[in-house]
Amino acid sequence: MRFLKIHSVFAAGVWSTLLFMATPMNVDAKEMSDHPFVFHLVQASLWNKAEESGEAYFPPTYSQDGFTHGTSNPEKLLTVANHFYQEVTGDWYCLRMTIESLAKAGVSVVYESTAPVGDKEPDFAGSEDELYPHIMGGIHPLAVLEVHPVGRDGDGEFLWIKGISE
């Protein structure tokens, strides 16, 4: 289901009405993306705490960003990881979910253009060529279908994600 969004614009001395297609926030993942999964990169220590407590995980930048960042295109995961998180030390995981698994945990997903992670701008190559899933809440362990280990080198560069990009 799609909705029309109407904008009136005054340009060159003439009022024009422009019609845009707007998508409701509860659109099925298959309509929004060619990729069926929602991935989230997470510090292993933070995810392990969430699993042990059985409570939702919220990333360190959640209060600043207002949502939990995600990626649907598995080909973008290492680029995103190296752009935003290369300086963050420690072991990492990549969580694999779906819009449906997140909804069962009471969290919705909105596909939008890239957004800063904390104070770090999303100015990496290809950042504007697709929409990214923004998870409108924390991630409960019950929403996660699989936890993938992430490999890094001694300089912190993300090299692979087991089962996704090896």
C-alpha atoms as a PDB file:
ATOM      1  CA  MET A   1       0.000   0.000   0.000  1.00  0.00           C
ATOM      2  CA  ARG A   2       1.361   3.416  -0.948  1.00  0.00           C
ATOM      3  CA  PHE A   3       0.209   6.923  -0.068  1.00  0.00           C
ATOM      4  CA  LEU A   4       0.507  10.092  -2.108  1.00  0.00           C
ATOM      5  CA  LYS A   5       2.264  12.970  -0.467  1.00  0.00           C
ATOM      6  CA  ILE A   6       1.454  16.401  -1.878  1.00  0.00           C
ATOM      7  CA  HIS A   7       3.810  19.357  -1.728  1.00  0.00           C
ATOM      8  CA  SER A   8       3.107  22.825  -3.071  1.00  0.00           C
ATOM      9  CA  VAL A   9       6.173  24.652  -4.341  1.00  0.00           C
ATOM     10  CA  PHE A  10       6.631  28.275  -5.418  1.00  0.00           C
ATOM     11  CA  ALA A  11       9.323  28.465  -8.105  1.00  0.00           C
ATOM     12  CA  ALA A  12       9.985  30.973 -10.857  1.00  0.00           C
ATOM     13  CA  GLY A  13       6.894  32.958  -9.866  1.00  0.00           C
ATOM     14  CA  VAL A  14       4.532  29.988 -10.293  1.00  0.00           C
ATOM     15  CA  TRP A  15       2.895  27.739  -7.721  1.00  0.00           C
ATOM     16  CA  SER A  16       3.211  24.083  -8.627  1.00  0.00           C
ATOM     17  CA  THR A  17       1.868  21.027  -6.903  1.00  0.00           C
ATOM     18  CA  LEU A  18       4.206  18.063  -6.771  1.00  0.00           C
ATOM     19  CA  LEU A  19       3.056  14.552  -5.968  1.00  0.00           C
ATOM     20  CA  PHE A  20       5.433  12.158  -4.269  1.00  0.00           C
ATOM     21  CA  MET A  21       4.996   8.548  -3.383  1.00  0.00           C
ATOM     22  CA  ALA A  22       5.378   8.066   0.319  1.00  0.00           C
ATOM     23  CA  THR A  23       5.659   4.732   2.010  1.00  0.00           C
ATOM     24  CA  PRO A  24       3.932   3.947   5.280  1.00  0.00           C
ATOM     25  CA  MET A  25       6.215   2.920   8.142  1.00  0.00           C
ATOM     26  CA  ASN A  26       4.891  -0.654   8.317  1.00  0.00           C
ATOM     27  CA  VAL A  27       5.813  -1.713   4.774  1.00  0.00           C
ATOM     28  CA  ASP A  28       6.942  -5.303   4.237  1.00  0.00           C
ATOM     29  CA  ALA A  29      10.703  -5.787   3.876  1.00  0.00           C
ATOM     30  CA  LYS A  30      10.292  -7.253   0.392  1.00  0.00           C
ATOM     31  CA  GLU A  31       8.705  -4.008  -0.784  1.00  0.00           C
ATOM     32  CA  MET A  32      11.491  -1.880   0.710  1.00  0.00           C
ATOM     33  CA  SER A  33      14.546  -3.949  -0.071  1.00  0.00           C
ATOM     34  CA  ASP A  34      15.874  -6.700  -2.290  1.00  0.00           C
ATOM     35  CA  HIS A  35      17.460  -8.130   0.849  1.00  0.00           C
ATOM     36  CA  PRO A  36      15.358 -10.165   3.305  1.00  0.00           C
ATOM     37  CA  PHE A  37      17.418  -9.569   6.454  1.00  0.00           C
ATOM     38  CA  VAL A  38      18.178  -6.717   8.811  1.00  0.00           C
ATOM     39  CA  PHE A  39      21.750  -6.835  10.117  1.00  0.00           C
ATOM     40  CA  HIS A  40      23.218  -4.969  13.066  1.00  0.00           C
ATOM     41  CA  LEU A  41      26.914  -4.784  13.978  1.00  0.00           C
ATOM     42  CA  VAL A  42      27.462  -4.943  17.729  1.00  0.00           C
ATOM     43  CA  GLN A  43      30.331  -5.095  20.181  1.00  0.00           C
ATOM     44  CA  ALA A  44      30.426  -8.675  21.467  1.00  0.00           C
ATOM     45  CA  SER A  45      30.698  -7.606  25.112  1.00  0.00           C
ATOM     46  CA  LEU A  46      27.508  -5.518  24.864  1.00  0.00           C
ATOM     47  CA  TRP A  47      25.561  -8.253  23.087  1.00  0.00           C
ATOM     48  CA  ASN A  48      26.732 -10.898  25.565  1.00  0.00           C
ATOM     49  CA  LYS A  49      25.342  -8.750  28.423  1.00  0.00           C
ATOM     50  CA  ALA A  50      21.981  -8.451  26.644  1.00  0.00           C
ATOM     51  CA  GLU A  51      21.804 -12.207  26.103  1.00  0.00           C
ATOM     52  CA  GLU A  52      22.721 -12.941  29.723  1.00  0.00           C
ATOM     53  CA  SER A  53      20.117 -10.514  31.064  1.00  0.00           C
ATOM     54  CA  GLY A  54      17.434 -11.438  28.506  1.00  0.00           C
ATOM     55  CA  GLU A  55      16.782  -7.732  27.994  1.00  0.00           C
ATOM     56  CA  ALA A  56      16.913  -5.594  24.870  1.00  0.00           C
ATOM     57  CA  TYR A  57      20.255  -4.218  23.742  1.00  0.00           C
ATOM     58  CA  PHE A  58      20.520  -0.513  22.920  1.00  0.00           C
ATOM     59  CA  PRO A  59      23.652   0.736  21.134  1.00  0.00           C
ATOM     60  CA  PRO A  60      25.852   3.384  22.805  1.00  0.00           C
ATOM     61  CA  THR A  61      24.570   6.073  20.387  1.00  0.00           C
ATOM     62  CA  TYR A  62      20.856   5.230  20.755  1.00  0.00           C
ATOM     63  CA  SER A  63      19.947   8.268  22.864  1.00  0.00           C
ATOM     64  CA  GLN A  64      21.714  10.571  20.420  1.00  0.00           C
ATOM     65  CA  ASP A  65      20.483   8.889  17.215  1.00  0.00           C
ATOM     66  CA  GLY A  66      16.959   7.955  18.335  1.00  0.00           C
ATOM     67  CA  PHE A  67      17.078   4.490  16.752  1.00  0.00           C
ATOM     68  CA  THR A  68      19.305   1.458  16.261  1.00  0.00           C
ATOM     69  CA  HIS A  69      21.180   1.451  12.955  1.00  0.00           C
ATOM     70  CA  GLY A  70      20.866  -1.498  10.606  1.00  0.00           C
ATOM     71  CA  THR A  71      21.982  -2.628   7.169  1.00  0.00           C
ATOM     72  CA  SER A  72      20.045  -4.879   4.802  1.00  0.00           C
ATOM     73  CA  ASN A  73      22.562  -5.282   1.998  1.00  0.00           C
ATOM     74  CA  PRO A  74      25.192  -7.798   3.147  1.00  0.00           C
ATOM     75  CA  GLU A  75      27.646  -6.332   0.618  1.00  0.00           C
ATOM     76  CA  LYS A  76      27.618  -3.052   2.588  1.00  0.00           C
ATOM     77  CA  LEU A  77      28.325  -4.547   6.028  1.00  0.00           C
ATOM     78  CA  LEU A  78      32.137  -4.411   5.957  1.00  0.00           C
ATOM     79  CA  THR A  79      32.100  -0.915   4.439  1.00  0.00           C
ATOM     80  CA  VAL A  80      29.749   0.291   7.182  1.00  0.00           C
ATOM     81  CA  ALA A  81      31.798  -1.461   9.887  1.00  0.00           C
ATOM     82  CA  ASN A  82      35.089   0.018   8.709  1.00  0.00           C
ATOM     83  CA  HIS A  83      33.623   3.497   8.304  1.00  0.00           C
ATOM     84  CA  PHE A  84      31.855   3.784  11.638  1.00  0.00           C
ATOM     85  CA  TYR A  85      33.503   1.320  14.022  1.00  0.00           C
ATOM     86  CA  GLN A  86      37.120   0.642  13.034  1.00  0.00           C
ATOM     87  CA  GLU A  87      38.428   2.671  16.002  1.00  0.00           C
ATOM     88  CA  VAL A  88      36.258   0.759  18.490  1.00  0.00           C
ATOM     89  CA  THR A  89      38.366  -2.055  19.913  1.00  0.00           C
ATOM     90  CA  GLY A  90      37.244  -5.520  20.882  1.00  0.00           C
ATOM     91  CA  ASP A  91      35.371  -8.426  19.380  1.00  0.00           C
ATOM     92  CA  TRP A  92      32.265  -7.833  17.299  1.00  0.00           C
ATOM     93  CA  TYR A  93      29.215  -9.749  16.123  1.00  0.00           C
ATOM     94  CA  CYS A  94      26.767  -9.221  13.303  1.00  0.00           C
ATOM     95  CA  LEU A  95      23.161  -9.898  14.314  1.00  0.00           C
ATOM     96  CA  ARG A  96      20.804 -11.255  11.635  1.00  0.00           C
ATOM     97  CA  MET A  97      17.096 -10.485  11.985  1.00  0.00           C
ATOM     98  CA  THR A  98      14.030  -9.861   9.841  1.00  0.00           C
ATOM     99  CA  ILE A  99      11.385  -7.179  10.066  1.00  0.00           C
ATOM    100  CA  GLU A 100       9.032  -9.928  11.209  1.00  0.00           C
ATOM    101  CA  SER A 101      11.334 -11.188  13.981  1.00  0.00           C
ATOM    102  CA  LEU A 102      11.793  -7.625  15.233  1.00  0.00           C
ATOM    103  CA  ALA A 103       8.017  -7.006  15.089  1.00  0.00           C
ATOM    104  CA  LYS A 104       7.405 -10.122  17.205  1.00  0.00           C
ATOM    105  CA  ALA A 105       9.677  -8.498  19.802  1.00  0.00           C
ATOM    106  CA  GLY A 106       7.601  -5.286  19.582  1.00  0.00           C
ATOM    107  CA  VAL A 107       9.985  -3.202  17.466  1.00  0.00           C
ATOM    108  CA  SER A 108       9.266  -1.597  14.096  1.00  0.00           C
ATOM    109  CA  VAL A 109      11.711  -0.861  11.287  1.00  0.00           C
ATOM    110  CA  VAL A 110      11.745   2.217   9.055  1.00  0.00           C
ATOM    111  CA  TYR A 111      13.801   2.364   5.853  1.00  0.00           C
ATOM    112  CA  GLU A 112      15.451   5.761   5.427  1.00  0.00           C
ATOM    113  CA  SER A 113      18.533   7.311   3.919  1.00  0.00           C
ATOM    114  CA  THR A 114      21.804   6.988   5.785  1.00  0.00           C
ATOM    115  CA  ALA A 115      22.189   8.863   9.038  1.00  0.00           C
ATOM    116  CA  PRO A 116      25.112   9.715  11.315  1.00  0.00           C
ATOM    117  CA  VAL A 117      26.115   7.211  13.983  1.00  0.00           C
ATOM    118  CA  GLY A 118      26.621   9.483  16.954  1.00  0.00           C
ATOM    119  CA  ASP A 119      28.816  12.303  15.655  1.00  0.00           C
ATOM    120  CA  LYS A 120      30.246  10.313  12.714  1.00  0.00           C
ATOM    121  CA  GLU A 121      28.752  11.353   9.364  1.00  0.00           C
ATOM    122  CA  PRO A 122      27.754   8.656   6.837  1.00  0.00           C
ATOM    123  CA  ASP A 123      30.085   9.922   4.126  1.00  0.00           C
ATOM    124  CA  PHE A 124      31.340   6.570   2.822  1.00  0.00           C
ATOM    125  CA  ALA A 125      31.257   5.533  -0.850  1.00  0.00           C
ATOM    126  CA  GLY A 126      27.782   4.271  -1.791  1.00  0.00           C
ATOM    127  CA  SER A 127      26.093   5.660   1.301  1.00  0.00           C
ATOM    128  CA  GLU A 128      23.367   7.377  -0.709  1.00  0.00           C
ATOM    129  CA  ASP A 129      22.505   4.614  -3.172  1.00  0.00           C
ATOM    130  CA  GLU A 130      20.009   2.716  -1.026  1.00  0.00           C
ATOM    131  CA  LEU A 131      17.810   2.980   2.050  1.00  0.00           C
ATOM    132  CA  TYR A 132      18.926   1.584   5.402  1.00  0.00           C
ATOM    133  CA  PRO A 133      16.773  -0.070   8.074  1.00  0.00           C
ATOM    134  CA  HIS A 134      16.441   2.006  11.216  1.00  0.00           C
ATOM    135  CA  ILE A 135      15.260  -0.130  14.119  1.00  0.00           C
ATOM    136  CA  MET A 136      12.912   1.959  16.238  1.00  0.00           C
ATOM    137  CA  GLY A 137      13.981   0.576  19.593  1.00  0.00           C
ATOM    138  CA  GLY A 138      16.428  -1.853  21.076  1.00  0.00           C
ATOM    139  CA  ILE A 139      17.127  -5.386  19.896  1.00  0.00           C
ATOM    140  CA  HIS A 140      15.747  -8.130  22.120  1.00  0.00           C
ATOM    141  CA  PRO A 141      17.655 -11.438  21.968  1.00  0.00           C
ATOM    142  CA  LEU A 142      14.427 -13.190  20.875  1.00  0.00           C
ATOM    143  CA  ALA A 143      14.410 -11.080  17.671  1.00  0.00           C
ATOM    144  CA  VAL A 144      17.824 -12.352  16.563  1.00  0.00           C
ATOM    145  CA  LEU A 145      17.849 -15.305  14.173  1.00  0.00           C
ATOM    146  CA  GLU A 146      21.623 -15.776  14.157  1.00  0.00           C
ATOM    147  CA  VAL A 147      24.748 -14.230  15.670  1.00  0.00           C
ATOM    148  CA  HIS A 148      27.679 -14.146  13.246  1.00  0.00           C
ATOM    149  CA  PRO A 149      31.271 -13.691  14.507  1.00  0.00           C
ATOM    150  CA  VAL A 150      33.194 -10.856  12.848  1.00  0.00           C
ATOM    151  CA  GLY A 151      36.885 -11.058  11.958  1.00  0.00           C
ATOM    152  CA  ARG A 152      39.308  -8.136  12.269  1.00  0.00           C
ATOM    153  CA  ASP A 153      43.002  -7.579  11.810  1.00  0.00           C
ATOM    154  CA  GLY A 154      45.475  -6.056  14.285  1.00  0.00           C
ATOM    155  CA  ASP A 155      44.676  -2.520  13.084  1.00  0.00           C
ATOM    156  CA  GLY A 156      40.961  -2.951  13.741  1.00  0.00           C
ATOM    157  CA  GLU A 157      39.949  -3.354  10.098  1.00  0.00           C
ATOM    158  CA  PHE A 158      36.862  -5.523   9.660  1.00  0.00           C
ATOM    159  CA  LEU A 159      37.742  -8.356   7.265  1.00  0.00           C
ATOM    160  CA  TRP A 160      34.907 -10.892   7.264  1.00  0.00           C
ATOM    161  CA  ILE A 161      31.608 -11.877   8.814  1.00  0.00           C
ATOM    162  CA  LYS A 162      31.250 -15.646   9.215  1.00  0.00           C
ATOM    163  CA  GLY A 163      28.440 -16.990   7.068  1.00  0.00           C
ATOM    164  CA  ILE A 164      27.866 -13.623   5.356  1.00  0.00           C
ATOM    165  CA  SER A 165      31.056 -12.240   3.808  1.00  0.00           C
ATOM    166  CA  GLU A 166      33.985 -14.618   3.995  1.00  0.00           C
END
